[in-house]
Amino acid sequence: MTGPLQLIDRWRFGLLLALLLGLFLTQPFLDRSEFGQTFAVIAAGAILIGAFRVSVPDDRIGAIGMGLTATWLVIYFVQGVFSDGDNHTAMLGVMATILLTGLNGWCTLKALFSKRFTGIDTLYGAIFGYFLIALMWAQLYVAIELWAPGSFSFPEGGTKRSDLLYFSLVTMTTLGYGDILPVGSFPRLIAGIQAAFGTLYIAILIGRIVNAIKD
């Protein structure tokens, strides 16, 4: 009989993927209140800690990653208390988020290219890494908007953070609906790089993993 711990160990990336998608789907609702935003940050921290735990085999490096996540949470809450609406102070938390999600994504991709993970859960891990990188890019767009307000054209009534997550996802998949637009050469360049990266990610990593599962 398979117990809960054995199921979690077997479907590690699948569980992380489900949690991350759940966070994405609830983000527009969580953005409407301070409590919801706080809950979203704590949930994201838990997901990142879980990803470090799964993807890093070295306990010391994994502990460093989880320690960095805890530090990120402290930075977020400190800048939230003392920022007083200052965009430059808020930038500290956003940049920390970019660095942390980027490091986490790199560790996840490195783990997927190793031989430690086999089977369908590896495919879930690749999809998790895809969405994790989309989250990192969304934070980059938030940083650009904080640094230079007006860098993106938003629909009326939109909440910018959740809108930029949506923009990151549609750019990563090269859908490009056109309801949110980068304004200026630098935001357009960053969006173009993300679109190219999303295409290469699917072509290289997902294809490699699917072939490995078939073999």
N, C-alpha and C. Protein backbone atom coordinates (compact mmCIF):
# COMPACT_ATOMS: atom_id res chain seq x y z
N MET A 1 0.84 -1.20 0.00
CA MET A 1 0.00 0.00 0.00
C MET A 1 0.88 1.25 0.00
N THR A 2 0.59 2.18 -0.88
CA THR A 2 1.38 3.40 -1.00
C THR A 2 0.85 4.46 -0.05
N GLY A 3 1.73 4.96 0.82
CA GLY A 3 1.33 5.98 1.78
C GLY A 3 1.46 7.38 1.20
N PRO A 4 0.96 8.39 1.94
CA PRO A 4 1.02 9.78 1.46
C PRO A 4 2.44 10.24 1.19
N LEU A 5 3.40 9.88 2.05
CA LEU A 5 4.78 10.32 1.86
C LEU A 5 5.38 9.72 0.59
N GLN A 6 5.04 8.45 0.32
CA GLN A 6 5.55 7.82 -0.89
C GLN A 6 4.97 8.48 -2.13
N LEU A 7 3.70 8.88 -2.07
CA LEU A 7 3.08 9.56 -3.21
C LEU A 7 3.70 10.92 -3.44
N ILE A 8 3.96 11.64 -2.34
CA ILE A 8 4.60 12.95 -2.47
C ILE A 8 5.99 12.82 -3.06
N ASP A 9 6.73 11.80 -2.62
CA ASP A 9 8.08 11.59 -3.13
C ASP A 9 8.05 11.21 -4.61
N ARG A 10 7.03 10.46 -5.01
CA ARG A 10 6.93 10.02 -6.40
C ARG A 10 6.51 11.15 -7.33
N TRP A 11 5.62 12.01 -6.85
CA TRP A 11 5.08 13.10 -7.67
C TRP A 11 5.52 14.46 -7.14
N ARG A 12 6.82 14.60 -6.90
CA ARG A 12 7.33 15.84 -6.30
C ARG A 12 7.08 17.06 -7.18
N PHE A 13 7.50 16.96 -8.43
CA PHE A 13 7.33 18.09 -9.34
C PHE A 13 5.86 18.29 -9.70
N GLY A 14 5.12 17.21 -9.77
CA GLY A 14 3.69 17.34 -10.06
C GLY A 14 2.97 18.12 -9.00
N LEU A 15 3.33 17.90 -7.73
CA LEU A 15 2.72 18.64 -6.62
C LEU A 15 3.11 20.11 -6.68
N LEU A 16 4.40 20.38 -6.94
CA LEU A 16 4.85 21.77 -7.04
C LEU A 16 4.17 22.49 -8.20
N LEU A 17 3.99 21.79 -9.31
CA LEU A 17 3.31 22.37 -10.46
C LEU A 17 1.87 22.73 -10.12
N ALA A 18 1.17 21.82 -9.42
CA ALA A 18 -0.21 22.08 -9.04
C ALA A 18 -0.32 23.29 -8.12
N LEU A 19 0.61 23.40 -7.17
CA LEU A 19 0.60 24.53 -6.25
C LEU A 19 0.88 25.84 -6.98
N LEU A 20 1.84 25.82 -7.91
CA LEU A 20 2.19 27.04 -8.65
C LEU A 20 1.04 27.49 -9.54
N LEU A 21 0.40 26.53 -10.21
CA LEU A 21 -0.74 26.88 -11.05
C LEU A 21 -1.90 27.41 -10.20
N GLY A 22 -2.09 26.83 -9.02
CA GLY A 22 -3.12 27.32 -8.12
C GLY A 22 -2.86 28.76 -7.70
N LEU A 23 -1.57 29.07 -7.47
CA LEU A 23 -1.21 30.45 -7.12
C LEU A 23 -1.46 31.39 -8.28
N PHE A 24 -1.13 30.96 -9.49
CA PHE A 24 -1.38 31.79 -10.66
C PHE A 24 -2.86 32.08 -10.83
N LEU A 25 -3.68 31.06 -10.68
CA LEU A 25 -5.12 31.21 -10.92
C LEU A 25 -5.79 32.11 -9.88
N THR A 26 -5.25 32.11 -8.67
CA THR A 26 -5.87 32.92 -7.61
C THR A 26 -5.22 34.30 -7.48
N GLN A 27 -4.14 34.56 -8.22
CA GLN A 27 -3.43 35.83 -8.09
C GLN A 27 -4.31 37.06 -8.30
N PRO A 28 -5.18 37.09 -9.32
CA PRO A 28 -6.03 38.29 -9.49
C PRO A 28 -6.92 38.57 -8.29
N PHE A 29 -7.38 37.52 -7.62
CA PHE A 29 -8.24 37.70 -6.44
C PHE A 29 -7.41 38.09 -5.22
N LEU A 30 -6.21 37.51 -5.09
CA LEU A 30 -5.36 37.82 -3.95
C LEU A 30 -4.84 39.25 -4.00
N ASP A 31 -4.70 39.79 -5.22
CA ASP A 31 -4.19 41.16 -5.37
C ASP A 31 -5.15 42.21 -4.83
N ARG A 32 -6.38 41.84 -4.55
CA ARG A 32 -7.40 42.83 -4.18
C ARG A 32 -7.31 43.27 -2.72
N SER A 33 -6.53 42.57 -1.91
CA SER A 33 -6.42 42.94 -0.51
C SER A 33 -4.99 42.73 -0.02
N GLU A 34 -4.63 43.42 1.06
CA GLU A 34 -3.30 43.25 1.64
C GLU A 34 -3.11 41.85 2.19
N PHE A 35 -4.18 41.30 2.78
CA PHE A 35 -4.09 39.93 3.29
C PHE A 35 -3.84 38.95 2.15
N GLY A 36 -4.55 39.13 1.03
CA GLY A 36 -4.35 38.25 -0.11
C GLY A 36 -2.95 38.35 -0.67
N GLN A 37 -2.39 39.55 -0.74
CA GLN A 37 -1.03 39.72 -1.23
C GLN A 37 -0.02 39.06 -0.29
N THR A 38 -0.27 39.18 1.02
CA THR A 38 0.61 38.53 1.99
C THR A 38 0.54 37.02 1.85
N PHE A 39 -0.67 36.50 1.70
CA PHE A 39 -0.84 35.05 1.52
C PHE A 39 -0.12 34.59 0.25
N ALA A 40 -0.21 35.37 -0.83
CA ALA A 40 0.45 34.99 -2.09
C ALA A 40 1.95 34.92 -1.92
N VAL A 41 2.53 35.86 -1.17
CA VAL A 41 3.98 35.86 -0.95
C VAL A 41 4.39 34.64 -0.13
N ILE A 42 3.65 34.34 0.92
CA ILE A 42 3.97 33.17 1.75
C ILE A 42 3.84 31.89 0.94
N ALA A 43 2.79 31.79 0.11
CA ALA A 43 2.60 30.60 -0.73
C ALA A 43 3.73 30.46 -1.73
N ALA A 44 4.14 31.58 -2.33
CA ALA A 44 5.26 31.54 -3.28
C ALA A 44 6.54 31.10 -2.58
N GLY A 45 6.75 31.60 -1.35
CA GLY A 45 7.93 31.18 -0.59
C GLY A 45 7.93 29.69 -0.30
N ALA A 46 6.77 29.15 0.05
CA ALA A 46 6.66 27.71 0.32
C ALA A 46 6.96 26.89 -0.94
N ILE A 47 6.48 27.37 -2.09
CA ILE A 47 6.73 26.66 -3.35
C ILE A 47 8.21 26.69 -3.69
N LEU A 48 8.86 27.84 -3.51
CA LEU A 48 10.29 27.95 -3.82
C LEU A 48 11.13 27.08 -2.89
N ILE A 49 10.76 27.04 -1.61
CA ILE A 49 11.47 26.17 -0.67
C ILE A 49 11.32 24.71 -1.09
N GLY A 50 10.10 24.33 -1.48
CA GLY A 50 9.88 22.96 -1.94
C GLY A 50 10.68 22.65 -3.19
N ALA A 51 10.79 23.61 -4.10
CA ALA A 51 11.54 23.38 -5.33
C ALA A 51 13.03 23.21 -5.03
N PHE A 52 13.57 24.01 -4.13
CA PHE A 52 14.97 23.83 -3.73
C PHE A 52 15.17 22.45 -3.11
N ARG A 53 14.22 22.05 -2.29
CA ARG A 53 14.33 20.75 -1.60
C ARG A 53 14.33 19.60 -2.60
N VAL A 54 13.55 19.73 -3.67
CA VAL A 54 13.43 18.66 -4.65
C VAL A 54 14.60 18.65 -5.63
N SER A 55 15.02 19.82 -6.09
CA SER A 55 15.96 19.88 -7.22
C SER A 55 17.42 19.88 -6.82
N VAL A 56 17.74 20.19 -5.55
CA VAL A 56 19.14 20.27 -5.13
C VAL A 56 19.48 19.06 -4.27
N PRO A 57 20.35 18.15 -4.77
CA PRO A 57 20.66 16.94 -4.02
C PRO A 57 21.54 17.19 -2.81
N ASP A 58 22.39 18.21 -2.87
CA ASP A 58 23.29 18.52 -1.76
C ASP A 58 22.51 19.24 -0.66
N ASP A 59 22.49 18.63 0.54
CA ASP A 59 21.72 19.20 1.64
C ASP A 59 22.20 20.60 2.01
N ARG A 60 23.52 20.85 1.89
CA ARG A 60 24.05 22.16 2.27
C ARG A 60 23.60 23.23 1.29
N ILE A 61 23.67 22.91 -0.01
CA ILE A 61 23.23 23.87 -1.02
C ILE A 61 21.73 24.09 -0.93
N GLY A 62 21.01 22.99 -0.70
CA GLY A 62 19.56 23.11 -0.53
C GLY A 62 19.22 23.98 0.66
N ALA A 63 19.98 23.83 1.75
CA ALA A 63 19.74 24.66 2.93
C ALA A 63 20.02 26.13 2.64
N ILE A 64 21.06 26.40 1.82
CA ILE A 64 21.36 27.77 1.43
C ILE A 64 20.20 28.36 0.62
N GLY A 65 19.68 27.56 -0.32
CA GLY A 65 18.55 28.01 -1.12
C GLY A 65 17.33 28.32 -0.27
N MET A 66 17.05 27.45 0.69
CA MET A 66 15.89 27.68 1.56
C MET A 66 16.14 28.87 2.48
N GLY A 67 17.42 29.05 2.90
CA GLY A 67 17.75 30.22 3.70
C GLY A 67 17.58 31.51 2.91
N LEU A 68 17.96 31.47 1.62
CA LEU A 68 17.76 32.64 0.76
C LEU A 68 16.27 32.96 0.61
N THR A 69 15.45 31.91 0.53
CA THR A 69 14.01 32.13 0.42
C THR A 69 13.47 32.79 1.69
N ALA A 70 13.93 32.31 2.84
CA ALA A 70 13.50 32.93 4.10
C ALA A 70 13.94 34.39 4.17
N THR A 71 15.18 34.66 3.70
CA THR A 71 15.68 36.05 3.67
C THR A 71 14.83 36.91 2.74
N TRP A 72 14.44 36.32 1.61
CA TRP A 72 13.58 37.04 0.66
C TRP A 72 12.25 37.41 1.30
N LEU A 73 11.68 36.49 2.07
CA LEU A 73 10.42 36.78 2.74
C LEU A 73 10.58 37.94 3.73
N VAL A 74 11.71 37.93 4.46
CA VAL A 74 11.97 39.01 5.41
C VAL A 74 12.11 40.33 4.67
N ILE A 75 12.86 40.33 3.56
CA ILE A 75 13.05 41.56 2.78
C ILE A 75 11.71 42.08 2.28
N TYR A 76 10.87 41.17 1.80
CA TYR A 76 9.56 41.59 1.28
C TYR A 76 8.74 42.28 2.35
N PHE A 77 8.66 41.67 3.53
CA PHE A 77 7.82 42.24 4.57
C PHE A 77 8.42 43.52 5.15
N VAL A 78 9.75 43.58 5.24
CA VAL A 78 10.39 44.79 5.74
C VAL A 78 10.16 45.96 4.79
N GLN A 79 10.37 45.71 3.48
CA GLN A 79 10.16 46.80 2.54
C GLN A 79 8.68 47.18 2.44
N GLY A 80 7.79 46.21 2.70
CA GLY A 80 6.37 46.52 2.71
C GLY A 80 5.98 47.42 3.87
N VAL A 81 6.65 47.25 5.02
CA VAL A 81 6.35 48.06 6.20
C VAL A 81 6.94 49.46 6.09
N PHE A 82 8.16 49.54 5.54
CA PHE A 82 8.87 50.81 5.56
C PHE A 82 8.91 51.55 4.23
N SER A 83 8.32 50.97 3.18
CA SER A 83 8.42 51.62 1.87
C SER A 83 7.59 52.91 1.80
N ASP A 84 6.42 52.90 2.46
CA ASP A 84 5.54 54.08 2.45
C ASP A 84 5.23 54.54 1.03
N GLY A 85 5.02 53.55 0.14
CA GLY A 85 4.65 53.88 -1.23
C GLY A 85 5.82 54.27 -2.11
N ASP A 86 7.04 54.16 -1.62
CA ASP A 86 8.21 54.54 -2.40
C ASP A 86 8.56 53.42 -3.38
N ASN A 87 8.52 53.72 -4.68
CA ASN A 87 8.80 52.71 -5.70
C ASN A 87 10.22 52.19 -5.61
N HIS A 88 11.17 53.05 -5.26
CA HIS A 88 12.56 52.62 -5.21
C HIS A 88 12.80 51.62 -4.08
N THR A 89 12.08 51.79 -2.98
CA THR A 89 12.18 50.82 -1.89
C THR A 89 11.49 49.51 -2.28
N ALA A 90 10.35 49.62 -2.93
CA ALA A 90 9.65 48.41 -3.39
C ALA A 90 10.49 47.63 -4.38
N MET A 91 11.37 48.33 -5.11
CA MET A 91 12.23 47.68 -6.09
C MET A 91 13.13 46.64 -5.44
N LEU A 92 13.52 46.86 -4.17
CA LEU A 92 14.39 45.92 -3.46
C LEU A 92 13.75 44.54 -3.37
N GLY A 93 12.48 44.51 -2.98
CA GLY A 93 11.78 43.23 -2.88
C GLY A 93 11.60 42.57 -4.23
N VAL A 94 11.33 43.37 -5.27
CA VAL A 94 11.13 42.82 -6.61
C VAL A 94 12.43 42.23 -7.15
N MET A 95 13.55 42.94 -6.97
CA MET A 95 14.83 42.44 -7.47
C MET A 95 15.24 41.17 -6.73
N ALA A 96 14.95 41.11 -5.43
CA ALA A 96 15.23 39.88 -4.67
C ALA A 96 14.41 38.73 -5.20
N THR A 97 13.16 39.01 -5.59
CA THR A 97 12.30 37.97 -6.16
C THR A 97 12.84 37.48 -7.49
N ILE A 98 13.33 38.39 -8.33
CA ILE A 98 13.89 38.02 -9.63
C ILE A 98 15.09 37.10 -9.44
N LEU A 99 16.00 37.48 -8.54
CA LEU A 99 17.21 36.68 -8.30
C LEU A 99 16.85 35.30 -7.74
N LEU A 100 15.89 35.26 -6.82
CA LEU A 100 15.54 33.99 -6.19
C LEU A 100 14.84 33.06 -7.16
N THR A 101 13.86 33.57 -7.91
CA THR A 101 13.17 32.71 -8.87
C THR A 101 14.11 32.27 -9.99
N GLY A 102 15.04 33.16 -10.39
CA GLY A 102 16.01 32.78 -11.41
C GLY A 102 16.92 31.66 -10.92
N LEU A 103 17.41 31.77 -9.68
CA LEU A 103 18.24 30.71 -9.10
C LEU A 103 17.47 29.41 -8.98
N ASN A 104 16.23 29.51 -8.55
CA ASN A 104 15.39 28.32 -8.40
C ASN A 104 15.14 27.66 -9.74
N GLY A 105 14.85 28.48 -10.77
CA GLY A 105 14.64 27.94 -12.10
C GLY A 105 15.88 27.24 -12.64
N TRP A 106 17.05 27.85 -12.39
CA TRP A 106 18.31 27.24 -12.85
C TRP A 106 18.53 25.90 -12.16
N CYS A 107 18.31 25.83 -10.86
CA CYS A 107 18.47 24.57 -10.12
C CYS A 107 17.50 23.51 -10.63
N THR A 108 16.27 23.92 -10.94
CA THR A 108 15.28 22.98 -11.46
C THR A 108 15.70 22.43 -12.81
N LEU A 109 16.14 23.31 -13.71
CA LEU A 109 16.57 22.87 -15.04
C LEU A 109 17.79 21.97 -14.95
N LYS A 110 18.73 22.32 -14.09
CA LYS A 110 19.92 21.49 -13.92
C LYS A 110 19.55 20.10 -13.43
N ALA A 111 18.59 20.03 -12.50
CA ALA A 111 18.15 18.74 -11.99
C ALA A 111 17.48 17.92 -13.08
N LEU A 112 16.72 18.57 -13.94
CA LEU A 112 16.01 17.85 -15.00
C LEU A 112 16.96 17.29 -16.05
N PHE A 113 18.10 17.95 -16.25
CA PHE A 113 19.08 17.45 -17.20
C PHE A 113 19.96 16.35 -16.61
N SER A 114 19.88 16.16 -15.30
CA SER A 114 20.62 15.07 -14.68
C SER A 114 19.83 13.78 -14.82
N LYS A 115 20.39 12.71 -14.30
CA LYS A 115 19.73 11.41 -14.42
C LYS A 115 19.01 11.02 -13.13
N ARG A 116 18.83 11.99 -12.23
CA ARG A 116 18.18 11.67 -10.95
C ARG A 116 16.67 11.51 -11.10
N PHE A 117 16.11 12.14 -12.13
CA PHE A 117 14.66 12.13 -12.29
C PHE A 117 14.28 11.39 -13.57
N THR A 118 13.38 10.47 -13.44
CA THR A 118 12.89 9.70 -14.58
C THR A 118 11.38 9.60 -14.50
N GLY A 119 10.75 9.23 -15.63
CA GLY A 119 9.32 9.03 -15.62
C GLY A 119 8.55 10.32 -15.88
N ILE A 120 7.23 10.21 -15.72
CA ILE A 120 6.34 11.31 -16.07
C ILE A 120 6.53 12.52 -15.16
N ASP A 121 7.01 12.31 -13.92
CA ASP A 121 7.20 13.44 -13.02
C ASP A 121 8.28 14.38 -13.54
N THR A 122 9.21 13.88 -14.35
CA THR A 122 10.21 14.73 -14.97
C THR A 122 9.56 15.71 -15.93
N LEU A 123 8.55 15.24 -16.66
CA LEU A 123 7.81 16.13 -17.56
C LEU A 123 7.08 17.21 -16.76
N TYR A 124 6.49 16.83 -15.62
CA TYR A 124 5.87 17.82 -14.75
C TYR A 124 6.90 18.85 -14.27
N GLY A 125 8.11 18.35 -14.00
CA GLY A 125 9.18 19.25 -13.57
C GLY A 125 9.54 20.25 -14.65
N ALA A 126 9.56 19.81 -15.90
CA ALA A 126 9.87 20.73 -17.00
C ALA A 126 8.78 21.79 -17.14
N ILE A 127 7.53 21.39 -16.97
CA ILE A 127 6.43 22.35 -17.05
C ILE A 127 6.49 23.31 -15.86
N PHE A 128 6.83 22.79 -14.69
CA PHE A 128 7.00 23.64 -13.51
C PHE A 128 8.09 24.68 -13.75
N GLY A 129 9.22 24.24 -14.31
CA GLY A 129 10.30 25.17 -14.62
C GLY A 129 9.87 26.24 -15.61
N TYR A 130 9.04 25.85 -16.56
CA TYR A 130 8.53 26.79 -17.57
C TYR A 130 7.72 27.91 -16.90
N PHE A 131 6.81 27.53 -16.02
CA PHE A 131 5.98 28.52 -15.34
C PHE A 131 6.79 29.32 -14.32
N LEU A 132 7.80 28.69 -13.73
CA LEU A 132 8.65 29.39 -12.78
C LEU A 132 9.43 30.51 -13.48
N ILE A 133 9.91 30.22 -14.68
CA ILE A 133 10.62 31.24 -15.45
C ILE A 133 9.67 32.34 -15.90
N ALA A 134 8.43 31.98 -16.21
CA ALA A 134 7.43 33.00 -16.54
C ALA A 134 7.19 33.92 -15.35
N LEU A 135 7.20 33.35 -14.13
CA LEU A 135 7.05 34.16 -12.92
C LEU A 135 8.24 35.10 -12.76
N MET A 136 9.44 34.61 -13.02
CA MET A 136 10.63 35.46 -12.93
C MET A 136 10.53 36.64 -13.90
N TRP A 137 10.10 36.35 -15.13
CA TRP A 137 9.99 37.41 -16.13
C TRP A 137 8.90 38.41 -15.74
N ALA A 138 7.83 37.93 -15.12
CA ALA A 138 6.78 38.84 -14.67
C ALA A 138 7.33 39.81 -13.63
N GLN A 139 8.18 39.31 -12.74
CA GLN A 139 8.80 40.18 -11.75
C GLN A 139 9.74 41.18 -12.41
N LEU A 140 10.40 40.76 -13.48
CA LEU A 140 11.25 41.69 -14.22
C LEU A 140 10.43 42.82 -14.82
N TYR A 141 9.25 42.47 -15.34
CA TYR A 141 8.35 43.50 -15.88
C TYR A 141 7.86 44.44 -14.77
N VAL A 142 7.60 43.89 -13.59
CA VAL A 142 7.20 44.72 -12.45
C VAL A 142 8.32 45.71 -12.11
N ALA A 143 9.58 45.21 -12.13
CA ALA A 143 10.72 46.07 -11.83
C ALA A 143 10.84 47.19 -12.86
N ILE A 144 10.62 46.86 -14.13
CA ILE A 144 10.70 47.87 -15.19
C ILE A 144 9.61 48.93 -14.99
N GLU A 145 8.41 48.49 -14.64
CA GLU A 145 7.30 49.42 -14.45
C GLU A 145 7.53 50.30 -13.22
N LEU A 146 8.12 49.72 -12.16
CA LEU A 146 8.42 50.52 -10.98
C LEU A 146 9.49 51.56 -11.27
N TRP A 147 10.50 51.15 -12.05
CA TRP A 147 11.61 52.05 -12.37
C TRP A 147 11.18 53.15 -13.33
N ALA A 148 10.37 52.79 -14.31
CA ALA A 148 9.91 53.76 -15.31
C ALA A 148 8.42 53.58 -15.52
N PRO A 149 7.60 54.19 -14.67
CA PRO A 149 6.13 54.07 -14.82
C PRO A 149 5.67 54.46 -16.22
N GLY A 150 4.75 53.67 -16.75
CA GLY A 150 4.28 53.90 -18.11
C GLY A 150 4.98 53.05 -19.14
N SER A 151 5.86 52.12 -18.68
CA SER A 151 6.57 51.25 -19.61
C SER A 151 5.65 50.23 -20.25
N PHE A 152 4.46 50.02 -19.64
CA PHE A 152 3.48 49.09 -20.18
C PHE A 152 2.12 49.78 -20.25
N SER A 153 1.39 49.47 -21.30
CA SER A 153 0.04 49.99 -21.47
C SER A 153 -0.96 48.95 -20.96
N PHE A 154 -1.74 49.32 -19.92
CA PHE A 154 -2.65 48.39 -19.27
C PHE A 154 -4.10 48.69 -19.65
N PRO A 155 -4.95 47.66 -19.66
CA PRO A 155 -6.39 47.91 -19.82
C PRO A 155 -6.92 48.60 -18.58
N GLU A 156 -8.01 49.31 -18.72
CA GLU A 156 -8.59 50.04 -17.60
C GLU A 156 -9.05 49.07 -16.52
N GLY A 157 -8.79 49.45 -15.27
CA GLY A 157 -9.24 48.64 -14.14
C GLY A 157 -8.34 47.47 -13.82
N GLY A 158 -7.22 47.34 -14.50
CA GLY A 158 -6.33 46.22 -14.25
C GLY A 158 -5.50 46.41 -13.00
N THR A 159 -5.14 45.31 -12.35
CA THR A 159 -4.19 45.35 -11.25
C THR A 159 -2.84 44.98 -11.83
N LYS A 160 -1.89 45.85 -11.74
CA LYS A 160 -0.69 45.75 -12.56
C LYS A 160 0.12 44.48 -12.34
N ARG A 161 0.27 44.03 -11.09
CA ARG A 161 1.10 42.84 -10.85
C ARG A 161 0.49 41.60 -11.50
N SER A 162 -0.79 41.38 -11.30
CA SER A 162 -1.42 40.21 -11.91
C SER A 162 -1.50 40.37 -13.43
N ASP A 163 -1.67 41.59 -13.90
CA ASP A 163 -1.68 41.82 -15.35
C ASP A 163 -0.33 41.52 -15.97
N LEU A 164 0.75 41.86 -15.25
CA LEU A 164 2.08 41.60 -15.79
C LEU A 164 2.41 40.11 -15.74
N LEU A 165 1.85 39.38 -14.79
CA LEU A 165 1.99 37.92 -14.80
C LEU A 165 1.29 37.35 -16.03
N TYR A 166 0.08 37.85 -16.29
CA TYR A 166 -0.65 37.43 -17.50
C TYR A 166 0.15 37.78 -18.76
N PHE A 167 0.70 38.99 -18.80
CA PHE A 167 1.48 39.41 -19.96
C PHE A 167 2.70 38.50 -20.15
N SER A 168 3.34 38.13 -19.04
CA SER A 168 4.50 37.24 -19.12
C SER A 168 4.11 35.88 -19.70
N LEU A 169 2.96 35.35 -19.28
CA LEU A 169 2.52 34.04 -19.75
C LEU A 169 2.19 34.06 -21.24
N VAL A 170 1.47 35.10 -21.70
CA VAL A 170 1.10 35.14 -23.11
C VAL A 170 2.31 35.45 -23.98
N THR A 171 3.30 36.15 -23.42
CA THR A 171 4.53 36.41 -24.17
C THR A 171 5.37 35.15 -24.25
N MET A 172 5.46 34.42 -23.14
CA MET A 172 6.24 33.18 -23.09
C MET A 172 5.70 32.16 -24.10
N THR A 173 4.40 32.15 -24.28
CA THR A 173 3.79 31.21 -25.22
C THR A 173 3.63 31.80 -26.62
N THR A 174 4.10 33.04 -26.81
CA THR A 174 4.06 33.77 -28.08
C THR A 174 2.63 33.99 -28.58
N LEU A 175 1.64 34.03 -27.67
CA LEU A 175 0.27 34.31 -28.08
C LEU A 175 0.11 35.78 -28.48
N GLY A 176 0.56 36.68 -27.59
CA GLY A 176 0.55 38.10 -27.91
C GLY A 176 -0.82 38.65 -28.26
N TYR A 177 -1.76 38.67 -27.31
CA TYR A 177 -3.11 39.15 -27.58
C TYR A 177 -3.14 40.64 -27.91
N GLY A 178 -2.21 41.39 -27.36
CA GLY A 178 -2.16 42.82 -27.67
C GLY A 178 -2.95 43.70 -26.74
N ASP A 179 -3.56 43.14 -25.68
CA ASP A 179 -4.31 43.98 -24.74
C ASP A 179 -3.38 44.71 -23.77
N ILE A 180 -2.19 44.14 -23.51
CA ILE A 180 -1.15 44.81 -22.74
C ILE A 180 0.06 44.95 -23.66
N LEU A 181 0.60 46.16 -23.73
CA LEU A 181 1.68 46.41 -24.68
C LEU A 181 2.89 47.01 -23.98
N PRO A 182 4.11 46.54 -24.30
CA PRO A 182 5.31 47.22 -23.81
C PRO A 182 5.50 48.52 -24.58
N VAL A 183 5.81 49.58 -23.84
CA VAL A 183 5.99 50.89 -24.45
C VAL A 183 7.46 51.28 -24.32
N GLY A 184 8.12 51.51 -25.44
CA GLY A 184 9.53 51.85 -25.40
C GLY A 184 10.39 50.70 -25.88
N SER A 185 11.59 51.01 -26.30
CA SER A 185 12.46 50.01 -26.92
C SER A 185 12.93 48.94 -25.93
N PHE A 186 13.27 49.33 -24.69
CA PHE A 186 13.79 48.35 -23.74
C PHE A 186 12.73 47.33 -23.32
N PRO A 187 11.52 47.74 -22.90
CA PRO A 187 10.51 46.73 -22.56
C PRO A 187 10.17 45.82 -23.74
N ARG A 188 10.13 46.37 -24.94
CA ARG A 188 9.83 45.53 -26.12
C ARG A 188 10.95 44.52 -26.36
N LEU A 189 12.20 44.94 -26.14
CA LEU A 189 13.32 44.02 -26.32
C LEU A 189 13.26 42.88 -25.32
N ILE A 190 12.97 43.21 -24.05
CA ILE A 190 12.88 42.17 -23.01
C ILE A 190 11.75 41.20 -23.32
N ALA A 191 10.61 41.72 -23.80
CA ALA A 191 9.49 40.85 -24.16
C ALA A 191 9.85 39.95 -25.34
N GLY A 192 10.59 40.48 -26.30
CA GLY A 192 11.02 39.67 -27.44
C GLY A 192 11.96 38.55 -27.04
N ILE A 193 12.87 38.85 -26.11
CA ILE A 193 13.79 37.82 -25.61
C ILE A 193 13.01 36.72 -24.90
N GLN A 194 12.00 37.10 -24.12
CA GLN A 194 11.20 36.09 -23.43
C GLN A 194 10.47 35.20 -24.42
N ALA A 195 9.91 35.79 -25.48
CA ALA A 195 9.20 34.99 -26.48
C ALA A 195 10.14 33.99 -27.14
N ALA A 196 11.36 34.44 -27.46
CA ALA A 196 12.33 33.54 -28.08
C ALA A 196 12.74 32.44 -27.11
N PHE A 197 12.92 32.81 -25.83
CA PHE A 197 13.31 31.83 -24.82
C PHE A 197 12.22 30.77 -24.64
N GLY A 198 10.95 31.22 -24.61
CA GLY A 198 9.85 30.27 -24.44
C GLY A 198 9.79 29.25 -25.56
N THR A 199 10.03 29.71 -26.79
CA THR A 199 10.03 28.79 -27.93
C THR A 199 11.17 27.79 -27.83
N LEU A 200 12.36 28.27 -27.49
CA LEU A 200 13.53 27.38 -27.38
C LEU A 200 13.37 26.40 -26.23
N TYR A 201 12.76 26.85 -25.14
CA TYR A 201 12.56 25.99 -23.98
C TYR A 201 11.75 24.76 -24.37
N ILE A 202 10.63 25.00 -25.04
CA ILE A 202 9.77 23.89 -25.43
C ILE A 202 10.47 22.98 -26.43
N ALA A 203 11.15 23.58 -27.39
CA ALA A 203 11.80 22.79 -28.44
C ALA A 203 12.92 21.91 -27.89
N ILE A 204 13.69 22.45 -26.93
CA ILE A 204 14.87 21.73 -26.45
C ILE A 204 14.55 20.83 -25.26
N LEU A 205 14.06 21.45 -24.18
CA LEU A 205 13.92 20.70 -22.93
C LEU A 205 12.75 19.73 -22.96
N ILE A 206 11.57 20.23 -23.32
CA ILE A 206 10.39 19.35 -23.32
C ILE A 206 10.59 18.21 -24.31
N GLY A 207 11.13 18.52 -25.50
CA GLY A 207 11.38 17.46 -26.48
C GLY A 207 12.36 16.43 -25.97
N ARG A 208 13.40 16.87 -25.29
CA ARG A 208 14.40 15.95 -24.75
C ARG A 208 13.79 15.03 -23.70
N ILE A 209 12.95 15.59 -22.83
CA ILE A 209 12.36 14.79 -21.76
C ILE A 209 11.35 13.79 -22.32
N VAL A 210 10.54 14.23 -23.28
CA VAL A 210 9.57 13.31 -23.89
C VAL A 210 10.29 12.15 -24.56
N ASN A 211 11.38 12.41 -25.25
CA ASN A 211 12.16 11.33 -25.87
C ASN A 211 12.75 10.40 -24.83
N ALA A 212 13.19 10.97 -23.72
CA ALA A 212 13.76 10.14 -22.65
C ALA A 212 12.70 9.24 -22.04
N ILE A 213 11.47 9.75 -21.90
CA ILE A 213 10.39 8.93 -21.36
C ILE A 213 10.06 7.79 -22.32
N LYS A 214 10.06 8.08 -23.62
CA LYS A 214 9.77 7.03 -24.60
C LYS A 214 10.82 5.93 -24.57
N ASP A 215 12.09 6.35 -24.38
CA ASP A 215 13.17 5.35 -24.33
C ASP A 215 13.09 4.49 -23.08
